[in-house]
All heavy atoms as atom14 arrays in JSON, in Angstrom:
{
  "sequence": "TVEIDDPLMIEGIERVQRAIAIHRAVPGRLRGVVTVLG",
  "atom14_mask": [
    [1, 1, 1, 1, 1, 1, 1, 0, 0, 0, 0, 0, 0, 0],
    [1, 1, 1, 1, 1, 1, 1, 0, 0, 0, 0, 0, 0, 0],
    [1, 1, 1, 1, 1, 1, 1, 1, 1, 0, 0, 0, 0, 0],
    [1, 1, 1, 1, 1, 1, 1, 1, 0, 0, 0, 0, 0, 0],
    [1, 1, 1, 1, 1, 1, 1, 1, 0, 0, 0, 0, 0, 0],
    [1, 1, 1, 1, 1, 1, 1, 1, 0, 0, 0, 0, 0, 0],
    [1, 1, 1, 1, 1, 1, 1, 0, 0, 0, 0, 0, 0, 0],
    [1, 1, 1, 1, 1, 1, 1, 1, 0, 0, 0, 0, 0, 0],
    [1, 1, 1, 1, 1, 1, 1, 1, 0, 0, 0, 0, 0, 0],
    [1, 1, 1, 1, 1, 1, 1, 1, 0, 0, 0, 0, 0, 0],
    [1, 1, 1, 1, 1, 1, 1, 1, 1, 0, 0, 0, 0, 0],
    [1, 1, 1, 1, 0, 0, 0, 0, 0, 0, 0, 0, 0, 0],
    [1, 1, 1, 1, 1, 1, 1, 1, 0, 0, 0, 0, 0, 0],
    [1, 1, 1, 1, 1, 1, 1, 1, 1, 0, 0, 0, 0, 0],
    [1, 1, 1, 1, 1, 1, 1, 1, 1, 1, 1, 0, 0, 0],
    [1, 1, 1, 1, 1, 1, 1, 0, 0, 0, 0, 0, 0, 0],
    [1, 1, 1, 1, 1, 1, 1, 1, 1, 0, 0, 0, 0, 0],
    [1, 1, 1, 1, 1, 1, 1, 1, 1, 1, 1, 0, 0, 0],
    [1, 1, 1, 1, 1, 0, 0, 0, 0, 0, 0, 0, 0, 0],
    [1, 1, 1, 1, 1, 1, 1, 1, 0, 0, 0, 0, 0, 0],
    [1, 1, 1, 1, 1, 0, 0, 0, 0, 0, 0, 0, 0, 0],
    [1, 1, 1, 1, 1, 1, 1, 1, 0, 0, 0, 0, 0, 0],
    [1, 1, 1, 1, 1, 1, 1, 1, 1, 1, 0, 0, 0, 0],
    [1, 1, 1, 1, 1, 1, 1, 1, 1, 1, 1, 0, 0, 0],
    [1, 1, 1, 1, 1, 0, 0, 0, 0, 0, 0, 0, 0, 0],
    [1, 1, 1, 1, 1, 1, 1, 0, 0, 0, 0, 0, 0, 0],
    [1, 1, 1, 1, 1, 1, 1, 0, 0, 0, 0, 0, 0, 0],
    [1, 1, 1, 1, 0, 0, 0, 0, 0, 0, 0, 0, 0, 0],
    [1, 1, 1, 1, 1, 1, 1, 1, 1, 1, 1, 0, 0, 0],
    [1, 1, 1, 1, 1, 1, 1, 1, 0, 0, 0, 0, 0, 0],
    [1, 1, 1, 1, 1, 1, 1, 1, 1, 1, 1, 0, 0, 0],
    [1, 1, 1, 1, 0, 0, 0, 0, 0, 0, 0, 0, 0, 0],
    [1, 1, 1, 1, 1, 1, 1, 0, 0, 0, 0, 0, 0, 0],
    [1, 1, 1, 1, 1, 1, 1, 0, 0, 0, 0, 0, 0, 0],
    [1, 1, 1, 1, 1, 1, 1, 0, 0, 0, 0, 0, 0, 0],
    [1, 1, 1, 1, 1, 1, 1, 0, 0, 0, 0, 0, 0, 0],
    [1, 1, 1, 1, 1, 1, 1, 1, 0, 0, 0, 0, 0, 0],
    [1, 1, 1, 1, 0, 0, 0, 0, 0, 0, 0, 0, 0, 0]
  ],
  "atom14_positions": [
    [[-46.73, 44.48, 12.31], [-46.14, 43.21, 11.93], [-44.88, 42.94, 12.77], [-44.32, 43.86, 13.36], [-45.73, 43.18, 10.43], [-44.78, 44.21, 10.19], [-46.93, 43.35, 9.53], [0.0, 0.0, 0.0], [0.0, 0.0, 0.0], [0.0, 0.0, 0.0], [0.0, 0.0, 0.0], [0.0, 0.0, 0.0], [0.0, 0.0, 0.0], [0.0, 0.0, 0.0]],
    [[-44.5, 41.67, 12.81], [-43.23, 41.29, 13.39], [-42.61, 40.21, 12.51], [-43.3, 39.33, 11.99], [-43.42, 40.78, 14.84], [-44.19, 39.48, 14.91], [-42.04, 40.6, 15.52], [0.0, 0.0, 0.0], [0.0, 0.0, 0.0], [0.0, 0.0, 0.0], [0.0, 0.0, 0.0], [0.0, 0.0, 0.0], [0.0, 0.0, 0.0], [0.0, 0.0, 0.0]],
    [[-41.28, 40.33, 12.29], [-40.57, 39.38, 11.45], [-39.7, 38.53, 12.35], [-38.96, 39.04, 13.22], [-39.71, 40.12, 10.44], [-40.53, 40.98, 9.5], [-39.64, 41.74, 8.51], [-38.43, 41.47, 8.48], [-40.18, 42.6, 7.76], [0.0, 0.0, 0.0], [0.0, 0.0, 0.0], [0.0, 0.0, 0.0], [0.0, 0.0, 0.0], [0.0, 0.0, 0.0]],
    [[-39.77, 37.21, 12.17], [-39.02, 36.26, 13.0], [-38.34, 35.25, 12.08], [-38.96, 34.7, 11.17], [-39.97, 35.54, 13.97], [-40.73, 36.54, 14.84], [-39.21, 34.53, 14.84], [-41.83, 35.92, 15.67], [0.0, 0.0, 0.0], [0.0, 0.0, 0.0], [0.0, 0.0, 0.0], [0.0, 0.0, 0.0], [0.0, 0.0, 0.0], [0.0, 0.0, 0.0]],
    [[-37.03, 35.04, 12.35], [-36.32, 34.01, 11.57], [-35.8, 32.87, 12.44], [-35.11, 31.98, 11.94], [-35.18, 34.63, 10.74], [-34.19, 35.4, 11.61], [-34.27, 35.25, 12.87], [-33.36, 36.15, 11.08], [0.0, 0.0, 0.0], [0.0, 0.0, 0.0], [0.0, 0.0, 0.0], [0.0, 0.0, 0.0], [0.0, 0.0, 0.0], [0.0, 0.0, 0.0]],
    [[-36.16, 32.87, 13.71], [-35.73, 31.8, 14.6], [-36.62, 30.59, 14.39], [-37.82, 30.61, 14.64], [-35.82, 32.28, 16.08], [-35.29, 31.25, 17.05], [-35.95, 30.19, 17.2], [-34.25, 31.49, 17.66], [0.0, 0.0, 0.0], [0.0, 0.0, 0.0], [0.0, 0.0, 0.0], [0.0, 0.0, 0.0], [0.0, 0.0, 0.0], [0.0, 0.0, 0.0]],
    [[-36.04, 29.43, 13.92], [-36.83, 28.25, 13.59], [-37.64, 27.76, 14.79], [-38.77, 27.31, 14.64], [-35.8, 27.24, 13.13], [-34.64, 28.04, 12.71], [-34.59, 29.24, 13.62], [0.0, 0.0, 0.0], [0.0, 0.0, 0.0], [0.0, 0.0, 0.0], [0.0, 0.0, 0.0], [0.0, 0.0, 0.0], [0.0, 0.0, 0.0], [0.0, 0.0, 0.0]],
    [[-37.0, 27.79, 15.98], [-37.69, 27.26, 17.18], [-38.94, 28.08, 17.49], [-39.98, 27.56, 17.82], [-36.76, 27.24, 18.37], [-37.28, 26.56, 19.62], [-37.62, 25.1, 19.36], [-36.23, 26.63, 20.75], [0.0, 0.0, 0.0], [0.0, 0.0, 0.0], [0.0, 0.0, 0.0], [0.0, 0.0, 0.0], [0.0, 0.0, 0.0], [0.0, 0.0, 0.0]],
    [[-38.77, 29.43, 17.41], [-39.92, 30.32, 17.66], [-41.0, 30.12, 16.6], [-42.19, 30.06, 16.93], [-39.46, 31.77, 17.68], [-40.59, 32.79, 17.77], [-41.59, 32.61, 19.28], [-40.57, 33.49, 20.44], [0.0, 0.0, 0.0], [0.0, 0.0, 0.0], [0.0, 0.0, 0.0], [0.0, 0.0, 0.0], [0.0, 0.0, 0.0], [0.0, 0.0, 0.0]],
    [[-40.56, 30.01, 15.34], [-41.56, 29.82, 14.27], [-42.31, 28.51, 14.49], [-43.54, 28.48, 14.38], [-40.87, 29.81, 12.88], [-40.29, 31.22, 12.61], [-41.83, 29.4, 11.79], [-39.4, 31.26, 11.37], [0.0, 0.0, 0.0], [0.0, 0.0, 0.0], [0.0, 0.0, 0.0], [0.0, 0.0, 0.0], [0.0, 0.0, 0.0], [0.0, 0.0, 0.0]],
    [[-41.56, 27.45, 14.83], [-42.2, 26.16, 15.07], [-43.17, 26.25, 16.28], [-44.27, 25.7, 16.27], [-41.16, 25.08, 15.33], [-41.72, 23.73, 15.78], [-42.66, 23.08, 14.76], [-42.61, 23.43, 13.56], [-43.51, 22.29, 15.18], [0.0, 0.0, 0.0], [0.0, 0.0, 0.0], [0.0, 0.0, 0.0], [0.0, 0.0, 0.0], [0.0, 0.0, 0.0]],
    [[-42.73, 26.97, 17.32], [-43.6, 27.12, 18.5], [-44.87, 27.84, 18.16], [-45.96, 27.41, 18.58], [0.0, 0.0, 0.0], [0.0, 0.0, 0.0], [0.0, 0.0, 0.0], [0.0, 0.0, 0.0], [0.0, 0.0, 0.0], [0.0, 0.0, 0.0], [0.0, 0.0, 0.0], [0.0, 0.0, 0.0], [0.0, 0.0, 0.0], [0.0, 0.0, 0.0]],
    [[-44.78, 28.93, 17.38], [-45.99, 29.65, 17.0], [-46.9, 28.79, 16.1], [-48.11, 28.76, 16.27], [-45.63, 30.96, 16.33], [-44.96, 31.92, 17.31], [-46.87, 31.65, 15.74], [-44.45, 33.19, 16.67], [0.0, 0.0, 0.0], [0.0, 0.0, 0.0], [0.0, 0.0, 0.0], [0.0, 0.0, 0.0], [0.0, 0.0, 0.0], [0.0, 0.0, 0.0]],
    [[-46.25, 28.04, 15.18], [-47.06, 27.19, 14.29], [-47.77, 26.12, 15.08], [-48.91, 25.79, 14.82], [-46.13, 26.56, 13.24], [-45.5, 27.53, 12.25], [-46.51, 28.23, 11.38], [-47.59, 27.62, 11.11], [-46.25, 29.37, 11.0], [0.0, 0.0, 0.0], [0.0, 0.0, 0.0], [0.0, 0.0, 0.0], [0.0, 0.0, 0.0], [0.0, 0.0, 0.0]],
    [[-47.06, 25.6, 16.11], [-47.67, 24.56, 16.91], [-48.87, 25.13, 17.69], [-49.91, 24.5, 17.86], [-46.65, 23.96, 17.9], [-47.1, 22.65, 18.51], [-46.07, 22.07, 19.43], [-44.83, 21.81, 18.73], [-43.74, 21.3, 19.34], [-43.78, 21.05, 20.64], [-42.62, 21.09, 18.65], [0.0, 0.0, 0.0], [0.0, 0.0, 0.0], [0.0, 0.0, 0.0]],
    [[-48.7, 26.36, 18.17], [-49.8, 27.02, 18.85], [-50.99, 27.21, 17.9], [-52.16, 27.0, 18.25], [-49.36, 28.39, 19.41], [-50.56, 29.16, 19.87], [-48.39, 28.2, 20.56], [0.0, 0.0, 0.0], [0.0, 0.0, 0.0], [0.0, 0.0, 0.0], [0.0, 0.0, 0.0], [0.0, 0.0, 0.0], [0.0, 0.0, 0.0], [0.0, 0.0, 0.0]],
    [[-50.67, 27.59, 16.62], [-51.74, 27.8, 15.64], [-52.51, 26.49, 15.41], [-53.73, 26.5, 15.29], [-51.18, 28.33, 14.31], [-50.46, 29.67, 14.42], [-51.41, 30.78, 14.76], [-52.62, 30.67, 14.61], [-50.89, 31.88, 15.29], [0.0, 0.0, 0.0], [0.0, 0.0, 0.0], [0.0, 0.0, 0.0], [0.0, 0.0, 0.0], [0.0, 0.0, 0.0]],
    [[-51.77, 25.38, 15.33], [-52.45, 24.1, 15.08], [-53.3, 23.7, 16.3], [-54.43, 23.2, 16.14], [-51.43, 22.99, 14.8], [-50.73, 23.1, 13.44], [-49.99, 21.82, 13.08], [-48.91, 21.57, 13.99], [-47.65, 22.03, 13.82], [-47.38, 22.79, 12.74], [-46.7, 21.76, 14.67], [0.0, 0.0, 0.0], [0.0, 0.0, 0.0], [0.0, 0.0, 0.0]],
    [[-52.77, 23.96, 17.47], [-53.52, 23.64, 18.71], [-54.81, 24.46, 18.78], [-55.87, 23.96, 19.15], [-52.65, 23.9, 19.93], [0.0, 0.0, 0.0], [0.0, 0.0, 0.0], [0.0, 0.0, 0.0], [0.0, 0.0, 0.0], [0.0, 0.0, 0.0], [0.0, 0.0, 0.0], [0.0, 0.0, 0.0], [0.0, 0.0, 0.0], [0.0, 0.0, 0.0]],
    [[-54.71, 25.73, 18.4], [-55.88, 26.61, 18.39], [-56.9, 26.11, 17.4], [-58.12, 26.11, 17.68], [-55.49, 28.06, 18.12], [-54.7, 28.63, 19.32], [-56.72, 28.92, 17.84], [-54.1, 30.01, 19.06], [0.0, 0.0, 0.0], [0.0, 0.0, 0.0], [0.0, 0.0, 0.0], [0.0, 0.0, 0.0], [0.0, 0.0, 0.0], [0.0, 0.0, 0.0]],
    [[-56.43, 25.7, 16.2], [-57.36, 25.2, 15.18], [-58.1, 23.97, 15.67], [-59.33, 23.85, 15.49], [-56.59, 24.89, 13.9], [0.0, 0.0, 0.0], [0.0, 0.0, 0.0], [0.0, 0.0, 0.0], [0.0, 0.0, 0.0], [0.0, 0.0, 0.0], [0.0, 0.0, 0.0], [0.0, 0.0, 0.0], [0.0, 0.0, 0.0], [0.0, 0.0, 0.0]],
    [[-57.36, 23.05, 16.34], [-58.0, 21.85, 16.87], [-58.98, 22.21, 17.99], [-60.11, 21.69, 18.07], [-56.94, 20.86, 17.4], [-56.12, 20.33, 16.23], [-57.59, 19.72, 18.17], [-54.91, 19.5, 16.63], [0.0, 0.0, 0.0], [0.0, 0.0, 0.0], [0.0, 0.0, 0.0], [0.0, 0.0, 0.0], [0.0, 0.0, 0.0], [0.0, 0.0, 0.0]],
    [[-58.54, 23.16, 18.84], [-59.38, 23.61, 19.95], [-60.7, 24.19, 19.44], [-61.75, 24.0, 20.03], [-58.61, 24.63, 20.76], [-59.35, 25.07, 22.0], [-59.54, 24.29, 23.12], [-59.93, 26.27, 22.29], [-60.22, 24.95, 24.02], [-60.45, 26.16, 23.56], [0.0, 0.0, 0.0], [0.0, 0.0, 0.0], [0.0, 0.0, 0.0], [0.0, 0.0, 0.0]],
    [[-60.61, 24.91, 18.31], [-61.82, 25.49, 17.74], [-62.69, 24.44, 17.05], [-63.9, 24.53, 17.04], [-61.45, 26.59, 16.75], [-60.99, 27.86, 17.44], [-60.52, 28.88, 16.41], [-60.22, 30.16, 17.02], [-59.61, 31.16, 16.39], [-59.25, 31.02, 15.12], [-59.39, 32.3, 17.0], [0.0, 0.0, 0.0], [0.0, 0.0, 0.0], [0.0, 0.0, 0.0]],
    [[-62.03, 23.44, 16.44], [-62.77, 22.45, 15.67], [-63.56, 21.53, 16.57], [-64.68, 21.12, 16.23], [-61.81, 21.6, 14.81], [0.0, 0.0, 0.0], [0.0, 0.0, 0.0], [0.0, 0.0, 0.0], [0.0, 0.0, 0.0], [0.0, 0.0, 0.0], [0.0, 0.0, 0.0], [0.0, 0.0, 0.0], [0.0, 0.0, 0.0], [0.0, 0.0, 0.0]],
    [[-62.98, 21.17, 17.75], [-63.68, 20.27, 18.64], [-65.02, 20.78, 19.09], [-66.04, 20.1, 19.0], [-62.8, 19.92, 19.87], [-63.57, 19.16, 20.93], [-61.61, 19.07, 19.42], [0.0, 0.0, 0.0], [0.0, 0.0, 0.0], [0.0, 0.0, 0.0], [0.0, 0.0, 0.0], [0.0, 0.0, 0.0], [0.0, 0.0, 0.0], [0.0, 0.0, 0.0]],
    [[-65.13, 22.06, 19.59], [-66.47, 22.59, 19.91], [-67.39, 22.59, 18.71], [-68.57, 22.38, 18.84], [-66.18, 24.0, 20.43], [-64.77, 23.95, 20.93], [-64.09, 23.01, 20.01], [0.0, 0.0, 0.0], [0.0, 0.0, 0.0], [0.0, 0.0, 0.0], [0.0, 0.0, 0.0], [0.0, 0.0, 0.0], [0.0, 0.0, 0.0], [0.0, 0.0, 0.0]],
    [[-66.82, 22.86, 17.53], [-67.64, 22.85, 16.34], [-68.24, 21.49, 16.06], [-69.42, 21.34, 15.78], [0.0, 0.0, 0.0], [0.0, 0.0, 0.0], [0.0, 0.0, 0.0], [0.0, 0.0, 0.0], [0.0, 0.0, 0.0], [0.0, 0.0, 0.0], [0.0, 0.0, 0.0], [0.0, 0.0, 0.0], [0.0, 0.0, 0.0], [0.0, 0.0, 0.0]],
    [[-67.39, 20.45, 16.2], [-67.88, 19.08, 16.03], [-68.89, 18.75, 17.16], [-69.88, 18.09, 16.9], [-66.72, 18.1, 16.05], [-65.83, 18.17, 14.84], [-64.99, 16.91, 14.71], [-64.08, 16.76, 15.83], [-62.85, 17.23, 15.85], [-62.37, 17.92, 14.83], [-62.07, 17.04, 16.89], [0.0, 0.0, 0.0], [0.0, 0.0, 0.0], [0.0, 0.0, 0.0]],
    [[-68.57, 19.23, 18.35], [-69.5, 18.98, 19.46], [-70.84, 19.6, 19.19], [-71.89, 19.0, 19.42], [-68.9, 19.53, 20.75], [-69.74, 19.3, 22.02], [-69.92, 17.8, 22.26], [-69.06, 19.95, 23.21], [0.0, 0.0, 0.0], [0.0, 0.0, 0.0], [0.0, 0.0, 0.0], [0.0, 0.0, 0.0], [0.0, 0.0, 0.0], [0.0, 0.0, 0.0]],
    [[-70.82, 20.84, 18.66], [-72.07, 21.49, 18.34], [-72.81, 20.7, 17.28], [-74.04, 20.59, 17.28], [-71.82, 22.9, 17.83], [-71.6, 23.92, 18.95], [-71.67, 25.35, 18.43], [-70.68, 25.61, 17.39], [-69.45, 26.05, 17.67], [-69.06, 26.28, 18.93], [-68.6, 26.3, 16.68], [0.0, 0.0, 0.0], [0.0, 0.0, 0.0], [0.0, 0.0, 0.0]],
    [[-72.04, 20.13, 16.31], [-72.67, 19.33, 15.28], [-73.34, 18.08, 15.83], [-74.44, 17.75, 15.48], [0.0, 0.0, 0.0], [0.0, 0.0, 0.0], [0.0, 0.0, 0.0], [0.0, 0.0, 0.0], [0.0, 0.0, 0.0], [0.0, 0.0, 0.0], [0.0, 0.0, 0.0], [0.0, 0.0, 0.0], [0.0, 0.0, 0.0], [0.0, 0.0, 0.0]],
    [[-72.6, 17.45, 16.8], [-73.13, 16.24, 17.43], [-74.4, 16.58, 18.22], [-75.4, 15.9, 18.17], [-72.08, 15.57, 18.35], [-72.72, 14.48, 19.19], [-70.94, 15.02, 17.53], [0.0, 0.0, 0.0], [0.0, 0.0, 0.0], [0.0, 0.0, 0.0], [0.0, 0.0, 0.0], [0.0, 0.0, 0.0], [0.0, 0.0, 0.0], [0.0, 0.0, 0.0]],
    [[-74.3, 17.7, 18.99], [-75.45, 18.14, 19.77], [-76.64, 18.46, 18.85], [-77.79, 18.14, 19.14], [-75.09, 19.39, 20.62], [-76.34, 19.98, 21.25], [-74.07, 19.01, 21.7], [0.0, 0.0, 0.0], [0.0, 0.0, 0.0], [0.0, 0.0, 0.0], [0.0, 0.0, 0.0], [0.0, 0.0, 0.0], [0.0, 0.0, 0.0], [0.0, 0.0, 0.0]],
    [[-76.33, 19.11, 17.7], [-77.4, 19.42, 16.75], [-78.06, 18.16, 16.23], [-79.3, 18.07, 16.14], [-76.84, 20.24, 15.6], [-76.29, 21.47, 16.1], [-77.93, 20.58, 14.58], [0.0, 0.0, 0.0], [0.0, 0.0, 0.0], [0.0, 0.0, 0.0], [0.0, 0.0, 0.0], [0.0, 0.0, 0.0], [0.0, 0.0, 0.0], [0.0, 0.0, 0.0]],
    [[-77.22, 17.18, 15.88], [-77.77, 15.91, 15.35], [-78.61, 15.2, 16.44], [-79.71, 14.72, 16.15], [-76.63, 14.97, 14.89], [-77.15, 13.58, 14.54], [-75.99, 15.57, 13.63], [0.0, 0.0, 0.0], [0.0, 0.0, 0.0], [0.0, 0.0, 0.0], [0.0, 0.0, 0.0], [0.0, 0.0, 0.0], [0.0, 0.0, 0.0], [0.0, 0.0, 0.0]],
    [[-78.06, 15.17, 17.67], [-78.81, 14.53, 18.74], [-80.11, 15.28, 19.02], [-81.15, 14.65, 19.28], [-77.95, 14.49, 20.01], [-76.75, 13.55, 20.0], [-75.97, 13.67, 21.29], [-77.2, 12.12, 19.77], [0.0, 0.0, 0.0], [0.0, 0.0, 0.0], [0.0, 0.0, 0.0], [0.0, 0.0, 0.0], [0.0, 0.0, 0.0], [0.0, 0.0, 0.0]],
    [[-80.05, 16.6, 18.92], [-81.27, 17.38, 19.11], [-82.33, 17.06, 18.05], [-83.51, 16.93, 18.34], [0.0, 0.0, 0.0], [0.0, 0.0, 0.0], [0.0, 0.0, 0.0], [0.0, 0.0, 0.0], [0.0, 0.0, 0.0], [0.0, 0.0, 0.0], [0.0, 0.0, 0.0], [0.0, 0.0, 0.0], [0.0, 0.0, 0.0], [0.0, 0.0, 0.0]]
  ]
}
């Protein structure tokens, strides 16, 4: 584990987590669209 209390670092990591979630969701939606089109 690592403990961090720096707000800027926490916000940066959280922003990365949101970006990763979106990045993962888009291919998932794309797969869904491809599946529907198929």
